[in-house]
């Protein structure tokens, strides 16, 4: 018998009497319809036959406790990158205009994110009115600080809580003061610290104020991420802008530190909503070839805000004016209510086809596309789907998936590690004794050094991802981070220990130089890891839960940044252990990155089923991409399995059937790719 090359015969087909099935089988019944054979007892016809197999498994518990995501039909409306957007003009003029509108607010986001460096910067403080009972110590109160410090390099003398045991008495005397004079080096004449004299016993309030913005951002990412998946990206953006204007401007009129900290919490909460919604809208507007470049431009705009912040602070002079200048430009974003549409990708993924039809017509009109030339019948399929009800998904359903939850958790850990260890490297650049930076003793030099490292990191990220992809680039920068951390922790200690044996005269200077070099390399690579982890998560997460998934990884980044004020609040106690923990996390992340799929030039997943289909590919391409390797060698795959029935025509499974009965078994041989079934004649 000869068959068509596309017909593969192969499976053991059994027909059993009602209520009987082979032992060990998980199926209730297996029904076979052989087209072309009139009698199931007769031999197979010499003509090509088609087998239709229907399996009914009944209600079974999910394997390994996982719930398979609901599958959807692979229609044109689900192929947004491959069919819908190209039909509407691809990455046309209108989409590019909307991308520019997502870049403009990024500079003000940068202002807000780095405003703590100016609003809460530690000044040089001098006591001008000591307490009456310590007049004999007035000579020691003339100057508490000799060099300018920024918010991360604060003087030890501002504490009177016994943090520095060797200076307890001196510090206690210095802090017994009723009136202070302050000198800021950040361009401001007055900030929050100088307004309410947050030094000595009140210095801990500065760190609480720093906590407020970060903790508010963490909660904002989580809450607004869920809301963006349920109500849409556009409503979340507008609501975040409205409340950002309210709370941000109210911060400038704070009357005490508790009010300032509380309002900063809500400011961070709303800032997270703006950041997340703009990020998601930008990703969902782009075709696969444009996603990374458009995102990196937005990152450079944020860094531009960081670089311009000292100039803005110098021009404002007062912290209240600076706060108002940062927030007021967001009033222009209220126009986005009319000029910025909802994400078409999210509307199609959630089956909101009525709104999708209007937005598709609007985009086509802006891009000057003739929608009558619908060769793929996209509009016809859209018209048929108008009666479907919207179907929205919550991020909680991610727990029931096999691959998706793993990918998101891995990227959350990468983001947390990247931002957490970044503070460790920044702390290593400081002189442990003088509490000063080892390279510069100037606020602006320190500030622009950090900003320059961030800019260099983003510049290096572009060619690295272009050459190696998302996973390869993330792996490379994580390896560099791990090496810098381990060398800083291990090599420097060995140099100090064996400096005598190695005839090293200035071991302290050598250690200091190596520490600075490893810190710069570590901050460079960890910044790249953090940015790429966030972008990677936005690509891997399906559209129906992209807001929640991106919110998780951004909240993890917030937890990493939160380690900096926590360490400062504890006066850097446990800093070495802190660094060791994150160094170990980098090693774990290197292994976990290998489990991630590659998303470069791939369409964005739209549903949970699409997200599950993103599986890990080999890190290196195969030698012959077109070659398909078989599980068995060719010599073994050609064996004849037609004579597997027991002697006398009794099937081996007959001995374990329930209640006896007779089975009719048709054994077909699996022949890979060629469909040769001639042995069955």
Foldseek 3Di string as FASTA:
>chain_A
DAEDLPDWDADWAWAFDQPKDFPPDQFNGKDKDWPPDPDPVDFDDPDYIDIDIDTDRDDDQDPPNFDAFDDDDPDQLQPCLVHQLVLLVACFPLLVVVLVVLQVCLLLLLLLVPVLQPQLFDWFKAAPAADPVLPVCNVLRGGDDDFGDTRQLYFPLQEQPCLPVVCNVVSVSNPRGDDMDTDHQLLAPDHQCRVAVCTYPNVLLSLLLVVQLLQLLLVLLQVLLQVCLVVHLVVLQLVLLVQLLVLLLVLLVDPHSVSNSNSSNPNSSSSNSNVLSSLLLLQLSHRQVCNVVSVLSSVVSSLVSLVCNSVLSNVQRHSSSSSCVSNVVSVVVNCCVPSPDTRLLSCSLQLVLVVNVVVSVVSSVVRVRDSVPCPVCPVVVSVVSNPDDGHFDGPVSQVSADQLVLLLVLLLLLLLLLLQLLLLLVCLQADPVRSAGPPDRHPVVSSVLLSVLLVVLSVVLVVLCVVQNLLRSLLVLLVQLLVLLCCLLPVLVVCVVCVVVVVNDCSVVVNSVSSNVSSSSNNSSSSNSNVSSLSLQLQLDASSSSSNSSSSSVSSNSNSNSVSSVCVSSVNPCSSVSSVVSSVSSVVSSVSSQFFDGCRSHGGHHGVNSSSPRGHDDSDADPDNVDDDDPDDPVVLPDDPQPPADPPRHRPSQVVMPPGGDMDIDGFHGDPSRNDRVVSD
